[in-house]
Amino acid sequence: MLKVSEILKVKGNALYTASPDTPILQAIETMSEQDIGSLVIMDHGQLAGMLTFRELIRHLHDNHGTTGSNTLRSIMDDAPVSVSPNTSADEVQRLMLDKHARYIPVMDGPTLLGVISFYDMAQAIVAAQQFENDMLKAYIRDWPSDTSDSESARS
């Protein structure tokens, strides 16, 4: 069974965080420059929230396209669902669908290990299916042939 730790291994471990007191404009700059869709909000070493493009777009809409002087504390999701390295990929899929979460922080106790995105999940599922396909094809190629079957297949 595919686990979160395996997905993180493939993904790499770049971590992008901000504090609740980070100005919204600074978060937008970071996310744009790093080409990322989320920031994990950490406060004194603890997971405090999650910021995604969804919260940013909502804020910009409510404020007629301006960020104002607000900080992330005012717009972040302050109760994000998180998973552990041992969480199964199936459980992550279920959480993402149930919670409409495109990004889920991976925590090992209080320590942030990374973020699993909807894209990471799709990539992992495609890779797992490809691996399964390859294994089935190899198995079928090695299938012991029965002479009567091979005779009838030729006719």
N, C-alpha and C. Protein backbone atom coordinates (compact mmCIF):
# COMPACT_ATOMS: atom_id res chain seq x y z
N MET A 1 0.84 -1.19 0.00
CA MET A 1 0.00 0.00 0.00
C MET A 1 0.89 1.26 0.00
N LEU A 2 0.58 2.17 -0.89
CA LEU A 2 1.35 3.40 -1.02
C LEU A 2 1.12 4.32 0.18
N LYS A 3 2.23 4.82 0.74
CA LYS A 3 2.15 5.69 1.92
C LYS A 3 2.63 7.10 1.57
N VAL A 4 2.24 8.06 2.41
CA VAL A 4 2.61 9.46 2.24
C VAL A 4 4.14 9.62 2.20
N SER A 5 4.85 8.87 3.03
CA SER A 5 6.32 8.99 3.08
C SER A 5 6.94 8.68 1.72
N GLU A 6 6.37 7.72 0.98
CA GLU A 6 6.90 7.36 -0.34
C GLU A 6 6.63 8.47 -1.36
N ILE A 7 5.47 9.10 -1.27
CA ILE A 7 5.13 10.20 -2.18
C ILE A 7 6.08 11.37 -1.93
N LEU A 8 6.36 11.66 -0.64
CA LEU A 8 7.27 12.76 -0.31
C LEU A 8 8.68 12.48 -0.81
N LYS A 9 9.11 11.20 -0.75
CA LYS A 9 10.45 10.83 -1.23
C LYS A 9 10.61 11.18 -2.69
N VAL A 10 9.60 10.88 -3.49
CA VAL A 10 9.62 11.15 -4.93
C VAL A 10 9.57 12.66 -5.18
N LYS A 11 8.76 13.33 -4.40
CA LYS A 11 8.52 14.76 -4.60
C LYS A 11 9.73 15.62 -4.22
N GLY A 12 10.49 15.18 -3.24
CA GLY A 12 11.56 16.03 -2.71
C GLY A 12 11.03 16.78 -1.50
N ASN A 13 11.93 17.49 -0.84
CA ASN A 13 11.51 18.03 0.47
C ASN A 13 11.68 19.55 0.58
N ALA A 14 11.37 20.29 -0.49
CA ALA A 14 11.36 21.75 -0.39
C ALA A 14 10.16 22.15 0.46
N LEU A 15 10.41 22.97 1.48
CA LEU A 15 9.35 23.41 2.38
C LEU A 15 9.16 24.91 2.24
N TYR A 16 7.94 25.34 2.06
CA TYR A 16 7.63 26.76 1.98
C TYR A 16 6.64 27.10 3.07
N THR A 17 7.10 27.93 4.01
CA THR A 17 6.27 28.29 5.15
C THR A 17 6.22 29.81 5.29
N ALA A 18 5.27 30.25 6.08
CA ALA A 18 5.16 31.66 6.45
C ALA A 18 4.60 31.70 7.86
N SER A 19 4.68 32.86 8.48
CA SER A 19 4.09 33.01 9.82
C SER A 19 2.74 33.71 9.68
N PRO A 20 1.90 33.61 10.70
CA PRO A 20 0.60 34.28 10.63
C PRO A 20 0.72 35.79 10.45
N ASP A 21 1.87 36.35 10.84
CA ASP A 21 2.06 37.80 10.74
C ASP A 21 2.66 38.25 9.41
N THR A 22 2.86 37.31 8.48
CA THR A 22 3.36 37.66 7.15
C THR A 22 2.30 38.48 6.40
N PRO A 23 2.71 39.60 5.79
CA PRO A 23 1.74 40.36 4.99
C PRO A 23 1.26 39.53 3.80
N ILE A 24 -0.01 39.71 3.43
CA ILE A 24 -0.60 38.96 2.32
C ILE A 24 0.20 39.15 1.03
N LEU A 25 0.61 40.39 0.76
CA LEU A 25 1.36 40.67 -0.47
C LEU A 25 2.66 39.86 -0.54
N GLN A 26 3.33 39.73 0.60
CA GLN A 26 4.58 38.96 0.65
C GLN A 26 4.32 37.48 0.34
N ALA A 27 3.21 36.94 0.84
CA ALA A 27 2.84 35.55 0.56
C ALA A 27 2.59 35.35 -0.93
N ILE A 28 1.89 36.30 -1.55
CA ILE A 28 1.62 36.23 -2.98
C ILE A 28 2.94 36.23 -3.77
N GLU A 29 3.87 37.10 -3.36
CA GLU A 29 5.18 37.16 -4.03
C GLU A 29 5.90 35.82 -3.91
N THR A 30 5.95 35.25 -2.72
CA THR A 30 6.62 33.96 -2.50
C THR A 30 5.99 32.87 -3.35
N MET A 31 4.67 32.78 -3.32
CA MET A 31 3.97 31.72 -4.05
C MET A 31 4.18 31.87 -5.55
N SER A 32 4.19 33.10 -6.03
CA SER A 32 4.39 33.35 -7.46
C SER A 32 5.83 33.01 -7.87
N GLU A 33 6.81 33.51 -7.11
CA GLU A 33 8.22 33.29 -7.44
C GLU A 33 8.60 31.81 -7.36
N GLN A 34 8.04 31.09 -6.39
CA GLN A 34 8.38 29.68 -6.20
C GLN A 34 7.46 28.75 -7.01
N ASP A 35 6.45 29.32 -7.67
CA ASP A 35 5.48 28.56 -8.45
C ASP A 35 4.83 27.46 -7.60
N ILE A 36 4.29 27.88 -6.45
CA ILE A 36 3.63 26.95 -5.53
C ILE A 36 2.20 27.42 -5.27
N GLY A 37 1.34 26.49 -4.91
CA GLY A 37 -0.07 26.81 -4.69
C GLY A 37 -0.46 26.94 -3.23
N SER A 38 0.52 26.74 -2.33
CA SER A 38 0.17 26.82 -0.91
C SER A 38 1.39 27.21 -0.08
N LEU A 39 1.09 27.72 1.09
CA LEU A 39 2.11 27.95 2.12
C LEU A 39 1.59 27.33 3.41
N VAL A 40 2.48 26.66 4.13
CA VAL A 40 2.11 26.14 5.45
C VAL A 40 2.41 27.27 6.44
N ILE A 41 1.43 27.58 7.27
CA ILE A 41 1.61 28.66 8.24
C ILE A 41 2.05 28.05 9.57
N MET A 42 3.26 28.43 9.97
CA MET A 42 3.84 27.91 11.21
C MET A 42 3.98 29.06 12.20
N ASP A 43 3.66 28.79 13.46
CA ASP A 43 3.77 29.79 14.52
C ASP A 43 4.49 29.17 15.69
N HIS A 44 5.69 29.68 15.99
CA HIS A 44 6.51 29.14 17.08
C HIS A 44 6.69 27.63 16.97
N GLY A 45 6.99 27.16 15.75
CA GLY A 45 7.26 25.75 15.53
C GLY A 45 6.04 24.86 15.46
N GLN A 46 4.85 25.44 15.54
CA GLN A 46 3.61 24.65 15.50
C GLN A 46 2.84 24.96 14.22
N LEU A 47 2.13 23.96 13.69
CA LEU A 47 1.26 24.17 12.55
C LEU A 47 0.12 25.09 12.99
N ALA A 48 0.01 26.26 12.33
CA ALA A 48 -1.02 27.23 12.72
C ALA A 48 -2.09 27.38 11.64
N GLY A 49 -1.76 26.99 10.41
CA GLY A 49 -2.74 27.15 9.36
C GLY A 49 -2.19 26.79 8.00
N MET A 50 -3.04 27.00 7.01
CA MET A 50 -2.68 26.69 5.63
C MET A 50 -3.20 27.84 4.77
N LEU A 51 -2.40 28.24 3.80
CA LEU A 51 -2.82 29.28 2.87
C LEU A 51 -2.72 28.70 1.47
N THR A 52 -3.81 28.79 0.71
CA THR A 52 -3.79 28.34 -0.67
C THR A 52 -4.30 29.47 -1.55
N PHE A 53 -4.22 29.25 -2.86
CA PHE A 53 -4.72 30.28 -3.78
C PHE A 53 -6.20 30.55 -3.54
N ARG A 54 -6.93 29.58 -2.99
CA ARG A 54 -8.37 29.77 -2.73
C ARG A 54 -8.60 30.92 -1.74
N GLU A 55 -7.84 30.93 -0.63
CA GLU A 55 -7.99 32.00 0.36
C GLU A 55 -7.54 33.35 -0.22
N LEU A 56 -6.48 33.31 -1.02
CA LEU A 56 -5.99 34.56 -1.63
C LEU A 56 -7.01 35.15 -2.60
N ILE A 57 -7.58 34.30 -3.45
CA ILE A 57 -8.56 34.78 -4.42
C ILE A 57 -9.79 35.34 -3.70
N ARG A 58 -10.24 34.64 -2.66
CA ARG A 58 -11.40 35.12 -1.89
C ARG A 58 -11.11 36.50 -1.29
N HIS A 59 -9.89 36.65 -0.72
CA HIS A 59 -9.51 37.93 -0.12
C HIS A 59 -9.45 39.04 -1.18
N LEU A 60 -8.83 38.75 -2.32
CA LEU A 60 -8.73 39.76 -3.38
C LEU A 60 -10.12 40.15 -3.90
N HIS A 61 -11.00 39.17 -4.02
CA HIS A 61 -12.37 39.45 -4.47
C HIS A 61 -13.09 40.36 -3.46
N ASP A 62 -12.98 40.00 -2.16
CA ASP A 62 -13.66 40.78 -1.11
C ASP A 62 -13.10 42.19 -0.99
N ASN A 63 -11.85 42.40 -1.41
CA ASN A 63 -11.18 43.69 -1.25
C ASN A 63 -10.90 44.38 -2.58
N HIS A 64 -11.71 44.05 -3.58
CA HIS A 64 -11.65 44.70 -4.90
C HIS A 64 -10.24 44.69 -5.50
N GLY A 65 -9.54 43.54 -5.33
CA GLY A 65 -8.24 43.35 -5.97
C GLY A 65 -7.05 43.89 -5.20
N THR A 66 -7.26 44.40 -4.00
CA THR A 66 -6.12 44.91 -3.23
C THR A 66 -5.84 43.99 -2.05
N THR A 67 -4.57 43.91 -1.66
CA THR A 67 -4.22 43.06 -0.52
C THR A 67 -4.38 43.82 0.79
N GLY A 68 -4.28 45.14 0.73
CA GLY A 68 -4.35 45.92 1.96
C GLY A 68 -3.15 45.62 2.83
N SER A 69 -3.25 45.95 4.10
CA SER A 69 -2.12 45.73 5.01
C SER A 69 -2.37 44.51 5.89
N ASN A 70 -3.35 43.69 5.49
CA ASN A 70 -3.70 42.52 6.29
C ASN A 70 -2.58 41.48 6.28
N THR A 71 -2.60 40.64 7.33
CA THR A 71 -1.64 39.55 7.43
C THR A 71 -2.36 38.23 7.15
N LEU A 72 -1.56 37.18 7.03
CA LEU A 72 -2.12 35.87 6.71
C LEU A 72 -3.08 35.37 7.79
N ARG A 73 -2.87 35.81 9.01
CA ARG A 73 -3.74 35.39 10.12
C ARG A 73 -5.22 35.64 9.79
N SER A 74 -5.49 36.72 9.07
CA SER A 74 -6.88 37.11 8.80
C SER A 74 -7.52 36.28 7.68
N ILE A 75 -6.72 35.58 6.88
CA ILE A 75 -7.32 34.84 5.75
C ILE A 75 -6.98 33.36 5.71
N MET A 76 -6.00 32.92 6.51
CA MET A 76 -5.56 31.51 6.43
C MET A 76 -6.64 30.57 6.95
N ASP A 77 -6.56 29.33 6.51
CA ASP A 77 -7.38 28.26 7.08
C ASP A 77 -6.68 27.87 8.38
N ASP A 78 -7.30 28.20 9.51
CA ASP A 78 -6.61 27.96 10.79
C ASP A 78 -6.90 26.60 11.40
N ALA A 79 -7.60 25.75 10.65
CA ALA A 79 -7.84 24.38 11.14
C ALA A 79 -7.60 23.39 10.00
N PRO A 80 -6.38 23.39 9.45
CA PRO A 80 -6.15 22.50 8.30
C PRO A 80 -6.05 21.05 8.74
N VAL A 81 -6.52 20.16 7.87
CA VAL A 81 -6.35 18.73 8.11
C VAL A 81 -4.90 18.41 7.76
N SER A 82 -4.26 17.55 8.55
CA SER A 82 -2.89 17.14 8.24
C SER A 82 -2.81 15.62 8.30
N VAL A 83 -1.74 15.09 7.73
CA VAL A 83 -1.53 13.64 7.73
C VAL A 83 -0.13 13.34 8.24
N SER A 84 0.12 12.08 8.54
CA SER A 84 1.44 11.64 9.00
C SER A 84 2.13 10.90 7.86
N PRO A 85 3.43 10.65 7.98
CA PRO A 85 4.15 9.92 6.92
C PRO A 85 3.58 8.52 6.68
N ASN A 86 2.92 7.94 7.69
CA ASN A 86 2.39 6.58 7.56
C ASN A 86 0.97 6.53 7.01
N THR A 87 0.37 7.69 6.77
CA THR A 87 -0.98 7.71 6.21
C THR A 87 -0.96 7.09 4.82
N SER A 88 -1.98 6.30 4.50
CA SER A 88 -2.03 5.66 3.18
C SER A 88 -2.49 6.67 2.14
N ALA A 89 -2.09 6.44 0.90
CA ALA A 89 -2.50 7.29 -0.22
C ALA A 89 -4.01 7.28 -0.36
N ASP A 90 -4.64 6.15 -0.10
CA ASP A 90 -6.11 6.04 -0.18
C ASP A 90 -6.78 7.00 0.81
N GLU A 91 -6.22 7.06 2.01
CA GLU A 91 -6.77 7.96 3.04
C GLU A 91 -6.58 9.42 2.64
N VAL A 92 -5.43 9.76 2.05
CA VAL A 92 -5.18 11.13 1.60
C VAL A 92 -6.20 11.51 0.53
N GLN A 93 -6.45 10.60 -0.41
CA GLN A 93 -7.46 10.86 -1.45
C GLN A 93 -8.81 11.14 -0.82
N ARG A 94 -9.20 10.31 0.15
CA ARG A 94 -10.50 10.47 0.80
C ARG A 94 -10.58 11.83 1.51
N LEU A 95 -9.52 12.19 2.23
CA LEU A 95 -9.49 13.48 2.94
C LEU A 95 -9.57 14.64 1.96
N MET A 96 -8.82 14.57 0.87
CA MET A 96 -8.83 15.65 -0.11
C MET A 96 -10.22 15.85 -0.69
N LEU A 97 -10.90 14.76 -0.97
CA LEU A 97 -12.24 14.85 -1.54
C LEU A 97 -13.26 15.31 -0.49
N ASP A 98 -13.19 14.74 0.72
CA ASP A 98 -14.14 15.09 1.78
C ASP A 98 -14.00 16.55 2.21
N LYS A 99 -12.75 17.02 2.32
CA LYS A 99 -12.49 18.36 2.88
C LYS A 99 -12.28 19.41 1.79
N HIS A 100 -12.37 19.02 0.52
CA HIS A 100 -12.08 19.92 -0.60
C HIS A 100 -10.69 20.55 -0.43
N ALA A 101 -9.74 19.74 0.02
CA ALA A 101 -8.38 20.23 0.28
C ALA A 101 -7.46 19.82 -0.86
N ARG A 102 -6.87 20.79 -1.51
CA ARG A 102 -5.93 20.49 -2.60
C ARG A 102 -4.50 20.31 -2.08
N TYR A 103 -4.27 20.78 -0.85
CA TYR A 103 -2.94 20.72 -0.25
C TYR A 103 -3.08 20.28 1.20
N ILE A 104 -2.30 19.26 1.58
CA ILE A 104 -2.38 18.75 2.95
C ILE A 104 -0.97 18.67 3.54
N PRO A 105 -0.74 19.37 4.67
CA PRO A 105 0.58 19.28 5.31
C PRO A 105 0.82 17.88 5.88
N VAL A 106 2.09 17.46 5.81
CA VAL A 106 2.49 16.18 6.38
C VAL A 106 3.30 16.49 7.64
N MET A 107 2.77 16.02 8.78
CA MET A 107 3.40 16.30 10.07
C MET A 107 3.88 15.01 10.71
N ASP A 108 5.09 15.06 11.25
CA ASP A 108 5.58 13.96 12.08
C ASP A 108 5.61 14.51 13.49
N GLY A 109 4.53 14.31 14.23
CA GLY A 109 4.36 15.00 15.52
C GLY A 109 4.27 16.48 15.22
N PRO A 110 5.11 17.31 15.86
CA PRO A 110 5.06 18.76 15.61
C PRO A 110 5.90 19.19 14.39
N THR A 111 6.63 18.25 13.78
CA THR A 111 7.57 18.60 12.72
C THR A 111 6.93 18.53 11.34
N LEU A 112 7.04 19.62 10.59
CA LEU A 112 6.54 19.67 9.22
C LEU A 112 7.52 18.95 8.30
N LEU A 113 7.02 17.93 7.58
CA LEU A 113 7.87 17.17 6.64
C LEU A 113 7.67 17.62 5.19
N GLY A 114 6.49 18.15 4.90
CA GLY A 114 6.20 18.56 3.53
C GLY A 114 4.73 18.78 3.34
N VAL A 115 4.35 18.92 2.07
CA VAL A 115 2.95 19.12 1.70
C VAL A 115 2.64 18.16 0.56
N ILE A 116 1.52 17.49 0.64
CA ILE A 116 1.05 16.63 -0.45
C ILE A 116 -0.05 17.39 -1.18
N SER A 117 0.13 17.55 -2.47
CA SER A 117 -0.88 18.27 -3.26
C SER A 117 -1.73 17.28 -4.05
N PHE A 118 -2.84 17.78 -4.54
CA PHE A 118 -3.72 17.00 -5.40
C PHE A 118 -2.92 16.48 -6.60
N TYR A 119 -2.05 17.34 -7.14
CA TYR A 119 -1.19 16.98 -8.27
C TYR A 119 -0.24 15.83 -7.89
N ASP A 120 0.36 15.91 -6.70
CA ASP A 120 1.26 14.84 -6.23
C ASP A 120 0.52 13.51 -6.16
N MET A 121 -0.74 13.57 -5.68
CA MET A 121 -1.54 12.35 -5.58
C MET A 121 -1.83 11.77 -6.96
N ALA A 122 -2.20 12.65 -7.90
CA ALA A 122 -2.50 12.18 -9.26
C ALA A 122 -1.25 11.53 -9.87
N GLN A 123 -0.10 12.17 -9.67
CA GLN A 123 1.17 11.65 -10.20
C GLN A 123 1.48 10.27 -9.59
N ALA A 124 1.28 10.14 -8.29
CA ALA A 124 1.57 8.87 -7.59
C ALA A 124 0.64 7.77 -8.08
N ILE A 125 -0.63 8.11 -8.28
CA ILE A 125 -1.60 7.11 -8.73
C ILE A 125 -1.26 6.64 -10.15
N VAL A 126 -0.93 7.57 -11.03
CA VAL A 126 -0.55 7.21 -12.40
C VAL A 126 0.70 6.33 -12.39
N ALA A 127 1.69 6.70 -11.57
CA ALA A 127 2.93 5.90 -11.48
C ALA A 127 2.63 4.50 -10.95
N ALA A 128 1.77 4.40 -9.94
CA ALA A 128 1.42 3.09 -9.37
C ALA A 128 0.68 2.24 -10.40
N GLN A 129 -0.22 2.87 -11.16
CA GLN A 129 -0.96 2.13 -12.18
C GLN A 129 -0.02 1.66 -13.29
N GLN A 130 0.93 2.49 -13.67
CA GLN A 130 1.90 2.12 -14.70
C GLN A 130 2.73 0.93 -14.23
N PHE A 131 3.16 0.98 -12.96
CA PHE A 131 3.94 -0.11 -12.38
C PHE A 131 3.13 -1.40 -12.40
N GLU A 132 1.87 -1.31 -12.00
CA GLU A 132 0.98 -2.47 -11.98
C GLU A 132 0.80 -3.04 -13.39
N ASN A 133 0.60 -2.16 -14.36
CA ASN A 133 0.48 -2.57 -15.76
C ASN A 133 1.71 -3.31 -16.23
N ASP A 134 2.88 -2.74 -15.93
CA ASP A 134 4.15 -3.36 -16.34
C ASP A 134 4.31 -4.74 -15.71
N MET A 135 3.94 -4.85 -14.42
CA MET A 135 4.06 -6.14 -13.74
C MET A 135 3.10 -7.16 -14.36
N LEU A 136 1.88 -6.76 -14.67
CA LEU A 136 0.91 -7.66 -15.30
C LEU A 136 1.39 -8.11 -16.67
N LYS A 137 1.93 -7.17 -17.44
CA LYS A 137 2.43 -7.51 -18.78
C LYS A 137 3.59 -8.51 -18.69
N ALA A 138 4.48 -8.29 -17.72
CA ALA A 138 5.60 -9.21 -17.53
C ALA A 138 5.09 -10.58 -17.11
N TYR A 139 4.09 -10.60 -16.24
CA TYR A 139 3.50 -11.84 -15.77
C TYR A 139 2.86 -12.59 -16.93
N ILE A 140 2.12 -11.88 -17.76
CA ILE A 140 1.44 -12.51 -18.90
C ILE A 140 2.46 -13.04 -19.91
N ARG A 141 3.53 -12.30 -20.14
CA ARG A 141 4.59 -12.76 -21.07
C ARG A 141 5.21 -14.06 -20.59
N ASP A 142 5.31 -14.20 -19.26
CA ASP A 142 5.94 -15.40 -18.69
C ASP A 142 4.93 -16.52 -18.42
N TRP A 143 3.68 -16.34 -18.83
CA TRP A 143 2.63 -17.32 -18.60
C TRP A 143 3.02 -18.64 -19.26
N PRO A 144 2.97 -19.74 -18.53
CA PRO A 144 3.36 -21.04 -19.14
C PRO A 144 2.41 -21.37 -20.30
N SER A 145 2.95 -21.71 -21.42
CA SER A 145 2.07 -21.97 -22.58
C SER A 145 1.67 -23.44 -22.59
N ASP A 146 0.43 -23.68 -22.94
CA ASP A 146 -0.12 -25.02 -23.08
C ASP A 146 -0.15 -25.27 -24.59
N THR A 147 0.44 -26.38 -25.05
CA THR A 147 0.58 -26.61 -26.50
C THR A 147 -0.75 -26.62 -27.22
N SER A 148 -1.79 -27.16 -26.61
CA SER A 148 -3.08 -27.19 -27.31
C SER A 148 -3.63 -25.76 -27.48
N ASP A 149 -3.40 -24.89 -26.49
CA ASP A 149 -3.83 -23.49 -26.61
C ASP A 149 -3.06 -22.78 -27.71
N SER A 150 -1.76 -23.01 -27.75
CA SER A 150 -0.96 -22.32 -28.77
C SER A 150 -1.30 -22.81 -30.17
N GLU A 151 -1.70 -24.09 -30.27
CA GLU A 151 -2.10 -24.64 -31.58
C GLU A 151 -3.40 -23.96 -32.03
N SER A 152 -4.37 -23.87 -31.12
CA SER A 152 -5.66 -23.28 -31.51
C SER A 152 -5.53 -21.79 -31.77
N ALA A 153 -4.57 -21.11 -31.08
CA ALA A 153 -4.37 -19.68 -31.29
C ALA A 153 -3.82 -19.41 -32.70
N ARG A 154 -3.07 -20.36 -33.24
CA ARG A 154 -2.47 -20.14 -34.55
C ARG A 154 -3.47 -20.33 -35.69
N SER A 155 -4.50 -21.15 -35.47
CA SER A 155 -5.43 -21.47 -36.57
C SER A 155 -6.48 -20.41 -36.77
